[in-house]
PDB file of N, CA and C in Angstrom:
ATOM      1  N   MET A   1     -32.423  21.123   3.316  1.00  0.00           N
ATOM      2  CA  MET A   1     -32.549  20.848   4.727  1.00  0.00           C
ATOM      3  C   MET A   1     -32.356  22.173   5.465  1.00  0.00           C
ATOM      4  N   LYS A   2     -33.391  22.546   6.182  1.00  0.00           N
ATOM      5  CA  LYS A   2     -33.344  23.823   6.873  1.00  0.00           C
ATOM      6  C   LYS A   2     -33.495  23.697   8.379  1.00  0.00           C
ATOM      7  N   THR A   3     -34.065  22.596   8.818  1.00  0.00           N
ATOM      8  CA  THR A   3     -34.313  22.464  10.254  1.00  0.00           C
ATOM      9  C   THR A   3     -33.842  21.106  10.763  1.00  0.00           C
ATOM     10  N   LEU A   4     -33.827  20.991  12.062  1.00  0.00           N
ATOM     11  CA  LEU A   4     -33.501  19.725  12.690  1.00  0.00           C
ATOM     12  C   LEU A   4     -34.556  18.667  12.350  1.00  0.00           C
ATOM     13  N   ALA A   5     -35.785  19.082  12.205  1.00  0.00           N
ATOM     14  CA  ALA A   5     -36.861  18.152  11.826  1.00  0.00           C
ATOM     15  C   ALA A   5     -36.607  17.581  10.434  1.00  0.00           C
ATOM     16  N   ASP A   6     -36.086  18.406   9.517  1.00  0.00           N
ATOM     17  CA  ASP A   6     -35.745  17.923   8.173  1.00  0.00           C
ATOM     18  C   ASP A   6     -34.664  16.844   8.251  1.00  0.00           C
ATOM     19  N   LEU A   7     -33.673  17.098   9.068  1.00  0.00           N
ATOM     20  CA  LEU A   7     -32.587  16.134   9.245  1.00  0.00           C
ATOM     21  C   LEU A   7     -33.101  14.824   9.842  1.00  0.00           C
ATOM     22  N   ARG A   8     -33.984  14.926  10.817  1.00  0.00           N
ATOM     23  CA  ARG A   8     -34.569  13.727  11.423  1.00  0.00           C
ATOM     24  C   ARG A   8     -35.371  12.924  10.395  1.00  0.00           C
ATOM     25  N   GLU A   9     -36.113  13.617   9.547  1.00  0.00           N
ATOM     26  CA  GLU A   9     -36.904  12.936   8.505  1.00  0.00           C
ATOM     27  C   GLU A   9     -35.986  12.209   7.515  1.00  0.00           C
ATOM     28  N   ILE A  10     -34.877  12.823   7.161  1.00  0.00           N
ATOM     29  CA  ILE A  10     -33.909  12.167   6.264  1.00  0.00           C
ATOM     30  C   ILE A  10     -33.353  10.915   6.927  1.00  0.00           C
ATOM     31  N   ARG A  11     -33.021  11.021   8.213  1.00  0.00           N
ATOM     32  CA  ARG A  11     -32.498   9.868   8.946  1.00  0.00           C
ATOM     33  C   ARG A  11     -33.523   8.744   9.005  1.00  0.00           C
ATOM     34  N   GLU A  12     -34.754   9.073   9.305  1.00  0.00           N
ATOM     35  CA  GLU A  12     -35.802   8.051   9.395  1.00  0.00           C
ATOM     36  C   GLU A  12     -36.065   7.396   8.047  1.00  0.00           C
ATOM     37  N   LYS A  13     -36.029   8.174   6.989  1.00  0.00           N
ATOM     38  CA  LYS A  13     -36.214   7.625   5.642  1.00  0.00           C
ATOM     39  C   LYS A  13     -35.084   6.651   5.312  1.00  0.00           C
ATOM     40  N   ALA A  14     -33.851   7.019   5.629  1.00  0.00           N
ATOM     41  CA  ALA A  14     -32.701   6.144   5.377  1.00  0.00           C
ATOM     42  C   ALA A  14     -32.824   4.854   6.190  1.00  0.00           C
ATOM     43  N   LYS A  15     -33.272   4.953   7.436  1.00  0.00           N
ATOM     44  CA  LYS A  15     -33.464   3.764   8.274  1.00  0.00           C
ATOM     45  C   LYS A  15     -34.507   2.831   7.670  1.00  0.00           C
ATOM     46  N   ARG A  16     -35.618   3.399   7.196  1.00  0.00           N
ATOM     47  CA  ARG A  16     -36.675   2.583   6.584  1.00  0.00           C
ATOM     48  C   ARG A  16     -36.164   1.884   5.332  1.00  0.00           C
ATOM     49  N   GLU A  17     -35.415   2.605   4.515  1.00  0.00           N
ATOM     50  CA  GLU A  17     -34.874   2.018   3.288  1.00  0.00           C
ATOM     51  C   GLU A  17     -33.890   0.902   3.594  1.00  0.00           C
ATOM     52  N   MET A  18     -33.038   1.106   4.603  1.00  0.00           N
ATOM     53  CA  MET A  18     -32.076   0.069   4.978  1.00  0.00           C
ATOM     54  C   MET A  18     -32.788  -1.169   5.516  1.00  0.00           C
ATOM     55  N   ALA A  19     -33.802  -0.977   6.328  1.00  0.00           N
ATOM     56  CA  ALA A  19     -34.556  -2.107   6.882  1.00  0.00           C
ATOM     57  C   ALA A  19     -35.245  -2.888   5.764  1.00  0.00           C
ATOM     58  N   GLN A  20     -35.782  -2.176   4.800  1.00  0.00           N
ATOM     59  CA  GLN A  20     -36.440  -2.836   3.671  1.00  0.00           C
ATOM     60  C   GLN A  20     -35.430  -3.631   2.849  1.00  0.00           C
ATOM     61  N   ARG A  21     -34.254  -3.057   2.604  1.00  0.00           N
ATOM     62  CA  ARG A  21     -33.205  -3.750   1.855  1.00  0.00           C
ATOM     63  C   ARG A  21     -32.775  -5.021   2.568  1.00  0.00           C
ATOM     64  N   GLU A  22     -32.624  -4.943   3.893  1.00  0.00           N
ATOM     65  CA  GLU A  22     -32.186  -6.108   4.658  1.00  0.00           C
ATOM     66  C   GLU A  22     -33.230  -7.214   4.629  1.00  0.00           C
ATOM     67  N   GLN A  23     -34.496  -6.871   4.594  1.00  0.00           N
ATOM     68  CA  GLN A  23     -35.550  -7.879   4.556  1.00  0.00           C
ATOM     69  C   GLN A  23     -35.602  -8.586   3.201  1.00  0.00           C
ATOM     70  N   THR A  24     -35.265  -7.900   2.137  1.00  0.00           N
ATOM     71  CA  THR A  24     -35.357  -8.484   0.801  1.00  0.00           C
ATOM     72  C   THR A  24     -34.032  -9.033   0.308  1.00  0.00           C
ATOM     73  N   ALA A  25     -32.981  -8.932   1.092  1.00  0.00           N
ATOM     74  CA  ALA A  25     -31.658  -9.383   0.658  1.00  0.00           C
ATOM     75  C   ALA A  25     -31.600 -10.904   0.589  1.00  0.00           C
ATOM     76  N   ARG A  26     -31.033 -11.408  -0.516  1.00  0.00           N
ATOM     77  CA  ARG A  26     -30.793 -12.850  -0.633  1.00  0.00           C
ATOM     78  C   ARG A  26     -29.539 -13.231   0.135  1.00  0.00           C
ATOM     79  N   TYR A  27     -28.510 -12.408   0.008  1.00  0.00           N
ATOM     80  CA  TYR A  27     -27.229 -12.683   0.647  1.00  0.00           C
ATOM     81  C   TYR A  27     -26.861 -11.555   1.589  1.00  0.00           C
ATOM     82  N   ARG A  28     -26.067 -11.910   2.593  1.00  0.00           N
ATOM     83  CA  ARG A  28     -25.490 -10.921   3.502  1.00  0.00           C
ATOM     84  C   ARG A  28     -23.999 -11.221   3.549  1.00  0.00           C
ATOM     85  N   ILE A  29     -23.202 -10.209   3.267  1.00  0.00           N
ATOM     86  CA  ILE A  29     -21.747 -10.335   3.329  1.00  0.00           C
ATOM     87  C   ILE A  29     -21.271  -9.530   4.523  1.00  0.00           C
ATOM     88  N   VAL A  30     -20.487 -10.171   5.378  1.00  0.00           N
ATOM     89  CA  VAL A  30     -19.965  -9.507   6.572  1.00  0.00           C
ATOM     90  C   VAL A  30     -18.441  -9.548   6.504  1.00  0.00           C
ATOM     91  N   VAL A  31     -17.826  -8.393   6.614  1.00  0.00           N
ATOM     92  CA  VAL A  31     -16.363  -8.280   6.599  1.00  0.00           C
ATOM     93  C   VAL A  31     -15.905  -8.011   8.032  1.00  0.00           C
ATOM     94  N   ALA A  32     -14.982  -8.842   8.527  1.00  0.00           N
ATOM     95  CA  ALA A  32     -14.434  -8.657   9.875  1.00  0.00           C
ATOM     96  C   ALA A  32     -13.496  -7.453   9.856  1.00  0.00           C
ATOM     97  N   MET A  33     -13.849  -6.426  10.608  1.00  0.00           N
ATOM     98  CA  MET A  33     -13.084  -5.183  10.617  1.00  0.00           C
ATOM     99  C   MET A  33     -12.544  -4.859  12.001  1.00  0.00           C
ATOM    100  N   GLY A  34     -12.144  -5.903  12.731  1.00  0.00           N
ATOM    101  CA  GLY A  34     -11.455  -5.668  13.990  1.00  0.00           C
ATOM    102  C   GLY A  34     -10.060  -5.130  13.696  1.00  0.00           C
ATOM    103  N   THR A  35      -9.329  -4.798  14.708  1.00  0.00           N
ATOM    104  CA  THR A  35      -7.977  -4.257  14.528  1.00  0.00           C
ATOM    105  C   THR A  35      -7.108  -5.187  13.698  1.00  0.00           C
ATOM    106  N   CYS A  36      -7.192  -6.487  13.990  1.00  0.00           N
ATOM    107  CA  CYS A  36      -6.372  -7.454  13.252  1.00  0.00           C
ATOM    108  C   CYS A  36      -6.804  -7.537  11.798  1.00  0.00           C
ATOM    109  N   GLY A  37      -8.095  -7.458  11.532  1.00  0.00           N
ATOM    110  CA  GLY A  37      -8.593  -7.495  10.166  1.00  0.00           C
ATOM    111  C   GLY A  37      -8.172  -6.285   9.366  1.00  0.00           C
ATOM    112  N   ILE A  38      -8.279  -5.117   9.980  1.00  0.00           N
ATOM    113  CA  ILE A  38      -7.875  -3.880   9.307  1.00  0.00           C
ATOM    114  C   ILE A  38      -6.384  -3.919   8.998  1.00  0.00           C
ATOM    115  N   ALA A  39      -5.589  -4.391   9.967  1.00  0.00           N
ATOM    116  CA  ALA A  39      -4.140  -4.478   9.753  1.00  0.00           C
ATOM    117  C   ALA A  39      -3.798  -5.443   8.619  1.00  0.00           C
ATOM    118  N   ALA A  40      -4.633  -6.462   8.422  1.00  0.00           N
ATOM    119  CA  ALA A  40      -4.388  -7.460   7.385  1.00  0.00           C
ATOM    120  C   ALA A  40      -4.939  -7.052   6.025  1.00  0.00           C
ATOM    121  N   GLY A  41      -5.697  -5.939   5.960  1.00  0.00           N
ATOM    122  CA  GLY A  41      -6.182  -5.453   4.668  1.00  0.00           C
ATOM    123  C   GLY A  41      -7.684  -5.503   4.467  1.00  0.00           C
ATOM    124  N   ALA A  42      -8.463  -5.588   5.542  1.00  0.00           N
ATOM    125  CA  ALA A  42      -9.914  -5.701   5.429  1.00  0.00           C
ATOM    126  C   ALA A  42     -10.569  -4.496   4.755  1.00  0.00           C
ATOM    127  N   ARG A  43      -9.973  -3.321   4.899  1.00  0.00           N
ATOM    128  CA  ARG A  43     -10.571  -2.137   4.254  1.00  0.00           C
ATOM    129  C   ARG A  43     -10.565  -2.275   2.735  1.00  0.00           C
ATOM    130  N   SER A  44      -9.446  -2.724   2.177  1.00  0.00           N
ATOM    131  CA  SER A  44      -9.389  -2.889   0.719  1.00  0.00           C
ATOM    132  C   SER A  44     -10.280  -4.038   0.267  1.00  0.00           C
ATOM    133  N   VAL A  45     -10.461  -5.049   1.108  1.00  0.00           N
ATOM    134  CA  VAL A  45     -11.374  -6.152   0.807  1.00  0.00           C
ATOM    135  C   VAL A  45     -12.810  -5.632   0.774  1.00  0.00           C
ATOM    136  N   MET A  46     -13.189  -4.848   1.764  1.00  0.00           N
ATOM    137  CA  MET A  46     -14.531  -4.257   1.807  1.00  0.00           C
ATOM    138  C   MET A  46     -14.762  -3.387   0.582  1.00  0.00           C
ATOM    139  N   SER A  47     -13.794  -2.565   0.231  1.00  0.00           N
ATOM    140  CA  SER A  47     -13.918  -1.698  -0.948  1.00  0.00           C
ATOM    141  C   SER A  47     -14.090  -2.509  -2.217  1.00  0.00           C
ATOM    142  N   ALA A  48     -13.341  -3.594  -2.348  1.00  0.00           N
ATOM    143  CA  ALA A  48     -13.431  -4.444  -3.544  1.00  0.00           C
ATOM    144  C   ALA A  48     -14.817  -5.078  -3.646  1.00  0.00           C
ATOM    145  N   ILE A  49     -15.360  -5.542  -2.527  1.00  0.00           N
ATOM    146  CA  ILE A  49     -16.701  -6.143  -2.531  1.00  0.00           C
ATOM    147  C   ILE A  49     -17.741  -5.114  -2.958  1.00  0.00           C
ATOM    148  N   LEU A  50     -17.710  -3.942  -2.339  1.00  0.00           N
ATOM    149  CA  LEU A  50     -18.676  -2.901  -2.671  1.00  0.00           C
ATOM    150  C   LEU A  50     -18.549  -2.464  -4.127  1.00  0.00           C
ATOM    151  N   ASP A  51     -17.317  -2.328  -4.593  1.00  0.00           N
ATOM    152  CA  ASP A  51     -17.083  -1.933  -5.979  1.00  0.00           C
ATOM    153  C   ASP A  51     -17.630  -2.979  -6.947  1.00  0.00           C
ATOM    154  N   GLU A  52     -17.362  -4.243  -6.681  1.00  0.00           N
ATOM    155  CA  GLU A  52     -17.821  -5.320  -7.568  1.00  0.00           C
ATOM    156  C   GLU A  52     -19.346  -5.420  -7.572  1.00  0.00           C
ATOM    157  N   LEU A  53     -19.968  -5.269  -6.416  1.00  0.00           N
ATOM    158  CA  LEU A  53     -21.429  -5.279  -6.358  1.00  0.00           C
ATOM    159  C   LEU A  53     -22.011  -4.125  -7.165  1.00  0.00           C
ATOM    160  N   ASN A  54     -21.404  -2.950  -7.037  1.00  0.00           N
ATOM    161  CA  ASN A  54     -21.879  -1.785  -7.793  1.00  0.00           C
ATOM    162  C   ASN A  54     -21.683  -1.958  -9.287  1.00  0.00           C
ATOM    163  N   LYS A  55     -20.531  -2.475  -9.698  1.00  0.00           N
ATOM    164  CA  LYS A  55     -20.264  -2.696 -11.124  1.00  0.00           C
ATOM    165  C   LYS A  55     -21.276  -3.645 -11.739  1.00  0.00           C
ATOM    166  N   ARG A  56     -21.684  -4.626 -10.969  1.00  0.00           N
ATOM    167  CA  ARG A  56     -22.607  -5.643 -11.468  1.00  0.00           C
ATOM    168  C   ARG A  56     -24.068  -5.285 -11.204  1.00  0.00           C
ATOM    169  N   HIS A  57     -24.309  -4.143 -10.591  1.00  0.00           N
ATOM    170  CA  HIS A  57     -25.665  -3.661 -10.288  1.00  0.00           C
ATOM    171  C   HIS A  57     -26.438  -4.670  -9.428  1.00  0.00           C
ATOM    172  N   ILE A  58     -25.747  -5.260  -8.462  1.00  0.00           N
ATOM    173  CA  ILE A  58     -26.369  -6.228  -7.560  1.00  0.00           C
ATOM    174  C   ILE A  58     -26.959  -5.466  -6.386  1.00  0.00           C
ATOM    175  N   THR A  59     -28.262  -5.590  -6.217  1.00  0.00           N
ATOM    176  CA  THR A  59     -28.945  -4.841  -5.158  1.00  0.00           C
ATOM    177  C   THR A  59     -29.572  -5.735  -4.102  1.00  0.00           C
ATOM    178  N   ASP A  60     -29.502  -7.061  -4.288  1.00  0.00           N
ATOM    179  CA  ASP A  60     -30.132  -7.967  -3.325  1.00  0.00           C
ATOM    180  C   ASP A  60     -29.130  -8.565  -2.346  1.00  0.00           C
ATOM    181  N   THR A  61     -28.012  -7.872  -2.155  1.00  0.00           N
ATOM    182  CA  THR A  61     -26.977  -8.316  -1.227  1.00  0.00           C
ATOM    183  C   THR A  61     -26.638  -7.169  -0.278  1.00  0.00           C
ATOM    184  N   VAL A  62     -26.670  -7.448   1.007  1.00  0.00           N
ATOM    185  CA  VAL A  62     -26.355  -6.448   2.024  1.00  0.00           C
ATOM    186  C   VAL A  62     -24.928  -6.694   2.501  1.00  0.00           C
ATOM    187  N   VAL A  63     -24.145  -5.632   2.607  1.00  0.00           N
ATOM    188  CA  VAL A  63     -22.765  -5.727   3.087  1.00  0.00           C
ATOM    189  C   VAL A  63     -22.665  -4.963   4.395  1.00  0.00           C
ATOM    190  N   THR A  64     -22.147  -5.647   5.415  1.00  0.00           N
ATOM    191  CA  THR A  64     -21.953  -5.006   6.716  1.00  0.00           C
ATOM    192  C   THR A  64     -20.560  -5.361   7.226  1.00  0.00           C
ATOM    193  N   GLN A  65     -20.240  -4.817   8.366  1.00  0.00           N
ATOM    194  CA  GLN A  65     -18.956  -5.128   8.994  1.00  0.00           C
ATOM    195  C   GLN A  65     -19.192  -5.552  10.425  1.00  0.00           C
ATOM    196  N   THR A  66     -18.203  -6.255  10.959  1.00  0.00           N
ATOM    197  CA  THR A  66     -18.257  -6.692  12.349  1.00  0.00           C
ATOM    198  C   THR A  66     -16.863  -6.540  12.933  1.00  0.00           C
ATOM    199  N   GLY A  67     -16.727  -6.806  14.198  1.00  0.00           N
ATOM    200  CA  GLY A  67     -15.425  -6.753  14.848  1.00  0.00           C
ATOM    201  C   GLY A  67     -14.664  -8.052  14.618  1.00  0.00           C
ATOM    202  N   CYS A  68     -13.747  -8.322  15.474  1.00  0.00           N
ATOM    203  CA  CYS A  68     -12.903  -9.509  15.362  1.00  0.00           C
ATOM    204  C   CYS A  68     -13.748 -10.776  15.539  1.00  0.00           C
ATOM    205  N   LEU A  69     -13.503 -11.762  14.692  1.00  0.00           N
ATOM    206  CA  LEU A  69     -14.197 -13.044  14.788  1.00  0.00           C
ATOM    207  C   LEU A  69     -13.396 -14.074  15.576  1.00  0.00           C
ATOM    208  N   GLY A  70     -12.190 -13.708  16.004  1.00  0.00           N
ATOM    209  CA  GLY A  70     -11.393 -14.591  16.832  1.00  0.00           C
ATOM    210  C   GLY A  70     -10.438 -15.508  16.083  1.00  0.00           C
ATOM    211  N   TYR A  71     -10.336 -15.338  14.788  1.00  0.00           N
ATOM    212  CA  TYR A  71      -9.431 -16.156  13.974  1.00  0.00           C
ATOM    213  C   TYR A  71      -8.403 -15.244  13.316  1.00  0.00           C
ATOM    214  N   CYS A  72      -7.643 -14.566  14.129  1.00  0.00           N
ATOM    215  CA  CYS A  72      -6.744 -13.515  13.651  1.00  0.00           C
ATOM    216  C   CYS A  72      -5.738 -14.003  12.615  1.00  0.00           C
ATOM    217  N   ASP A  73      -5.335 -15.254  12.696  1.00  0.00           N
ATOM    218  CA  ASP A  73      -4.361 -15.771  11.732  1.00  0.00           C
ATOM    219  C   ASP A  73      -4.974 -15.979  10.342  1.00  0.00           C
ATOM    220  N   GLN A  74      -6.307 -15.872  10.235  1.00  0.00           N
ATOM    221  CA  GLN A  74      -6.992 -16.060   8.950  1.00  0.00           C
ATOM    222  C   GLN A  74      -7.473 -14.744   8.338  1.00  0.00           C
ATOM    223  N   GLU A  75      -7.166 -13.635   8.955  1.00  0.00           N
ATOM    224  CA  GLU A  75      -7.626 -12.331   8.467  1.00  0.00           C
ATOM    225  C   GLU A  75      -7.009 -11.989   7.124  1.00  0.00           C
ATOM    226  N   PRO A  76      -7.700 -11.195   6.352  1.00  0.00           N
ATOM    227  CA  PRO A  76      -9.068 -10.712   6.456  1.00  0.00           C
ATOM    228  C   PRO A  76     -10.091 -11.837   6.248  1.00  0.00           C
ATOM    229  N   LEU A  77     -11.155 -11.791   7.048  1.00  0.00           N
ATOM    230  CA  LEU A  77     -12.225 -12.779   6.981  1.00  0.00           C
ATOM    231  C   LEU A  77     -13.484 -12.160   6.385  1.00  0.00           C
ATOM    232  N   VAL A  78     -14.154 -12.930   5.541  1.00  0.00           N
ATOM    233  CA  VAL A  78     -15.406 -12.502   4.930  1.00  0.00           C
ATOM    234  C   VAL A  78     -16.409 -13.629   5.099  1.00  0.00           C
ATOM    235  N   GLN A  79     -17.570 -13.302   5.659  1.00  0.00           N
ATOM    236  CA  GLN A  79     -18.631 -14.283   5.802  1.00  0.00           C
ATOM    237  C   GLN A  79     -19.723 -14.001   4.790  1.00  0.00           C
ATOM    238  N   VAL A  80     -20.222 -15.070   4.167  1.00  0.00           N
ATOM    239  CA  VAL A  80     -21.353 -14.957   3.248  1.00  0.00           C
ATOM    240  C   VAL A  80     -22.481 -15.779   3.842  1.00  0.00           C
ATOM    241  N   MET A  81     -23.561 -15.105   4.205  1.00  0.00           N
ATOM    242  CA  MET A  81     -24.739 -15.776   4.739  1.00  0.00           C
ATOM    243  C   MET A  81     -25.699 -15.977   3.583  1.00  0.00           C
ATOM    244  N   GLN A  82     -26.011 -17.232   3.315  1.00  0.00           N
ATOM    245  CA  GLN A  82     -26.784 -17.612   2.147  1.00  0.00           C
ATOM    246  C   GLN A  82     -28.277 -17.670   2.460  1.00  0.00           C
ATOM    247  N   PRO A  83     -29.104 -17.712   1.425  1.00  0.00           N
ATOM    248  CA  PRO A  83     -30.558 -17.789   1.648  1.00  0.00           C
ATOM    249  C   PRO A  83     -30.991 -19.008   2.462  1.00  0.00           C
ATOM    250  N   ASP A  84     -30.249 -20.119   2.379  1.00  0.00           N
ATOM    251  CA  ASP A  84     -30.610 -21.323   3.140  1.00  0.00           C
ATOM    252  C   ASP A  84     -30.078 -21.286   4.573  1.00  0.00           C
ATOM    253  N   GLN A  85     -29.586 -20.141   5.009  1.00  0.00           N
ATOM    254  CA  GLN A  85     -29.064 -19.895   6.353  1.00  0.00           C
ATOM    255  C   GLN A  85     -27.676 -20.480   6.587  1.00  0.00           C
ATOM    256  N   THR A  86     -27.050 -21.067   5.567  1.00  0.00           N
ATOM    257  CA  THR A  86     -25.679 -21.536   5.676  1.00  0.00           C
ATOM    258  C   THR A  86     -24.756 -20.327   5.662  1.00  0.00           C
ATOM    259  N   THR A  87     -23.715 -20.372   6.488  1.00  0.00           N
ATOM    260  CA  THR A  87     -22.726 -19.296   6.503  1.00  0.00           C
ATOM    261  C   THR A  87     -21.385 -19.868   6.069  1.00  0.00           C
ATOM    262  N   ILE A  88     -20.819 -19.271   5.040  1.00  0.00           N
ATOM    263  CA  ILE A  88     -19.505 -19.637   4.548  1.00  0.00           C
ATOM    264  C   ILE A  88     -18.544 -18.545   4.994  1.00  0.00           C
ATOM    265  N   THR A  89     -17.453 -18.927   5.645  1.00  0.00           N
ATOM    266  CA  THR A  89     -16.446 -17.960   6.064  1.00  0.00           C
ATOM    267  C   THR A  89     -15.195 -18.179   5.231  1.00  0.00           C
ATOM    268  N   TYR A  90     -14.823 -17.142   4.501  1.00  0.00           N
ATOM    269  CA  TYR A  90     -13.606 -17.174   3.692  1.00  0.00           C
ATOM    270  C   TYR A  90     -12.471 -16.541   4.494  1.00  0.00           C
ATOM    271  N   GLY A  91     -11.292 -17.158   4.454  1.00  0.00           N
ATOM    272  CA  GLY A  91     -10.133 -16.653   5.171  1.00  0.00           C
ATOM    273  C   GLY A  91      -9.033 -16.201   4.235  1.00  0.00           C
ATOM    274  N   LYS A  92      -8.185 -15.320   4.772  1.00  0.00           N
ATOM    275  CA  LYS A  92      -7.057 -14.755   4.026  1.00  0.00           C
ATOM    276  C   LYS A  92      -7.519 -14.178   2.681  1.00  0.00           C
ATOM    277  N   VAL A  93      -8.555 -13.357   2.774  1.00  0.00           N
ATOM    278  CA  VAL A  93      -9.182 -12.785   1.584  1.00  0.00           C
ATOM    279  C   VAL A  93      -8.401 -11.564   1.108  1.00  0.00           C
ATOM    280  N   THR A  94      -8.051 -11.567  -0.148  1.00  0.00           N
ATOM    281  CA  THR A  94      -7.423 -10.420  -0.800  1.00  0.00           C
ATOM    282  C   THR A  94      -8.515  -9.684  -1.576  1.00  0.00           C
ATOM    283  N   PRO A  95      -8.228  -8.485  -2.077  1.00  0.00           N
ATOM    284  CA  PRO A  95      -9.224  -7.814  -2.908  1.00  0.00           C
ATOM    285  C   PRO A  95      -9.623  -8.649  -4.133  1.00  0.00           C
ATOM    286  N   GLU A  96      -8.686  -9.394  -4.701  1.00  0.00           N
ATOM    287  CA  GLU A  96      -9.003 -10.241  -5.852  1.00  0.00           C
ATOM    288  C   GLU A  96      -9.954 -11.363  -5.455  1.00  0.00           C
ATOM    289  N   VAL A  97      -9.701 -11.980  -4.310  1.00  0.00           N
ATOM    290  CA  VAL A  97     -10.589 -13.035  -3.816  1.00  0.00           C
ATOM    291  C   VAL A  97     -11.957 -12.439  -3.479  1.00  0.00           C
ATOM    292  N   ALA A  98     -11.971 -11.246  -2.924  1.00  0.00           N
ATOM    293  CA  ALA A  98     -13.232 -10.576  -2.598  1.00  0.00           C
ATOM    294  C   ALA A  98     -14.077 -10.379  -3.848  1.00  0.00           C
ATOM    295  N   ARG A  99     -13.442  -9.972  -4.934  1.00  0.00           N
ATOM    296  CA  ARG A  99     -14.167  -9.812  -6.206  1.00  0.00           C
ATOM    297  C   ARG A  99     -14.680 -11.169  -6.698  1.00  0.00           C
ATOM    298  N   ALA A 100     -13.884 -12.216  -6.499  1.00  0.00           N
ATOM    299  CA  ALA A 100     -14.309 -13.561  -6.898  1.00  0.00           C
ATOM    300  C   ALA A 100     -15.482 -14.041  -6.039  1.00  0.00           C
ATOM    301  N   VAL A 101     -15.507 -13.654  -4.780  1.00  0.00           N
ATOM    302  CA  VAL A 101     -16.642 -14.012  -3.927  1.00  0.00           C
ATOM    303  C   VAL A 101     -17.927 -13.455  -4.533  1.00  0.00           C
ATOM    304  N   VAL A 102     -17.860 -12.229  -5.008  1.00  0.00           N
ATOM    305  CA  VAL A 102     -19.042 -11.642  -5.633  1.00  0.00           C
ATOM    306  C   VAL A 102     -19.358 -12.357  -6.949  1.00  0.00           C
ATOM    307  N   SER A 103     -18.361 -12.489  -7.821  1.00  0.00           N
ATOM    308  CA  SER A 103     -18.633 -13.049  -9.151  1.00  0.00           C
ATOM    309  C   SER A 103     -18.977 -14.537  -9.110  1.00  0.00           C
ATOM    310  N   GLU A 104     -18.313 -15.296  -8.252  1.00  0.00           N
ATOM    311  CA  GLU A 104     -18.566 -16.736  -8.219  1.00  0.00           C
ATOM    312  C   GLU A 104     -19.652 -17.126  -7.214  1.00  0.00           C
ATOM    313  N   HIS A 105     -19.512 -16.656  -5.983  1.00  0.00           N
ATOM    314  CA  HIS A 105     -20.445 -17.080  -4.941  1.00  0.00           C
ATOM    315  C   HIS A 105     -21.801 -16.396  -5.082  1.00  0.00           C
ATOM    316  N   ILE A 106     -21.799 -15.081  -5.169  1.00  0.00           N
ATOM    317  CA  ILE A 106     -23.060 -14.340  -5.208  1.00  0.00           C
ATOM    318  C   ILE A 106     -23.750 -14.487  -6.564  1.00  0.00           C
ATOM    319  N   VAL A 107     -23.014 -14.310  -7.653  1.00  0.00           N
ATOM    320  CA  VAL A 107     -23.622 -14.337  -8.985  1.00  0.00           C
ATOM    321  C   VAL A 107     -23.861 -15.765  -9.478  1.00  0.00           C
ATOM    322  N   ASN A 108     -22.835 -16.615  -9.393  1.00  0.00           N
ATOM    323  CA  ASN A 108     -22.922 -17.964  -9.965  1.00  0.00           C
ATOM    324  C   ASN A 108     -23.254 -19.052  -8.948  1.00  0.00           C
ATOM    325  N   HIS A 109     -23.409 -18.678  -7.677  1.00  0.00           N
ATOM    326  CA  HIS A 109     -23.788 -19.618  -6.608  1.00  0.00           C
ATOM    327  C   HIS A 109     -22.785 -20.764  -6.450  1.00  0.00           C
ATOM    328  N   LYS A 110     -21.501 -20.465  -6.652  1.00  0.00           N
ATOM    329  CA  LYS A 110     -20.444 -21.463  -6.502  1.00  0.00           C
ATOM    330  C   LYS A 110     -19.509 -21.031  -5.382  1.00  0.00           C
ATOM    331  N   ILE A 111     -19.372 -21.875  -4.393  1.00  0.00           N
ATOM    332  CA  ILE A 111     -18.485 -21.588  -3.267  1.00  0.00           C
ATOM    333  C   ILE A 111     -17.039 -21.741  -3.735  1.00  0.00           C
ATOM    334  N   ILE A 112     -16.196 -20.816  -3.348  1.00  0.00           N
ATOM    335  CA  ILE A 112     -14.773 -20.846  -3.706  1.00  0.00           C
ATOM    336  C   ILE A 112     -14.077 -21.721  -2.657  1.00  0.00           C
ATOM    337  N   THR A 113     -14.051 -23.003  -2.901  1.00  0.00           N
ATOM    338  CA  THR A 113     -13.639 -23.977  -1.887  1.00  0.00           C
ATOM    339  C   THR A 113     -12.209 -23.800  -1.379  1.00  0.00           C
ATOM    340  N   ASN A 114     -11.291 -23.340  -2.226  1.00  0.00           N
ATOM    341  CA  ASN A 114      -9.910 -23.222  -1.766  1.00  0.00           C
ATOM    342  C   ASN A 114      -9.688 -22.019  -0.841  1.00  0.00           C
ATOM    343  N   HIS A 115     -10.703 -21.225  -0.581  1.00  0.00           N
ATOM    344  CA  HIS A 115     -10.579 -20.112   0.366  1.00  0.00           C
ATOM    345  C   HIS A 115     -11.530 -20.243   1.553  1.00  0.00           C
ATOM    346  N   VAL A 116     -12.289 -21.339   1.607  1.00  0.00           N
ATOM    347  CA  VAL A 116     -13.227 -21.525   2.722  1.00  0.00           C
ATOM    348  C   VAL A 116     -12.460 -21.846   3.992  1.00  0.00           C
ATOM    349  N   PHE A 117     -12.745 -21.088   5.042  1.00  0.00           N
ATOM    350  CA  PHE A 117     -12.150 -21.336   6.355  1.00  0.00           C
ATOM    351  C   PHE A 117     -13.113 -22.108   7.235  1.00  0.00           C
ATOM    352  N   LEU A 118     -14.385 -21.703   7.251  1.00  0.00           N
ATOM    353  CA  LEU A 118     -15.427 -22.364   8.039  1.00  0.00           C
ATOM    354  C   LEU A 118     -16.718 -22.425   7.231  1.00  0.00           C
ATOM    355  N   GLN A 119     -17.502 -23.479   7.493  1.00  0.00           N
ATOM    356  CA  GLN A 119     -18.813 -23.572   6.878  1.00  0.00           C
ATOM    357  C   GLN A 119     -19.771 -24.070   7.937  1.00  0.00           C
ATOM    358  N   LYS A 120     -20.829 -23.292   8.191  1.00  0.00           N
ATOM    359  CA  LYS A 120     -21.837 -23.674   9.212  1.00  0.00           C
ATOM    360  C   LYS A 120     -23.186 -23.781   8.562  1.00  0.00           C
TER     361      LYS A 120
END
């Protein structure tokens, strides 16, 4: 990278790749990273999800973050948006539960019922 134009091209390429990934994703995982979520351990939950996805070579799942979802007593919160448009919200997620979300929900298509906070 030698010029500002080179940097812009890298940025545009990354944007195109991200947009393509989001269009082909079967699942979307959203981690609530508001102040209350971070204080409750959302960073380690996010790291566990990303690590588990990488270990399993799962590429059809997009992971993003959001602010507070308004259920501070249930933090850390993780939402899984499924291909059928159903959203499962898991509450009081630990890194171990986060790994189980990947292994059970994403891989085996089984909802972890004892950690479900909301289902829409």
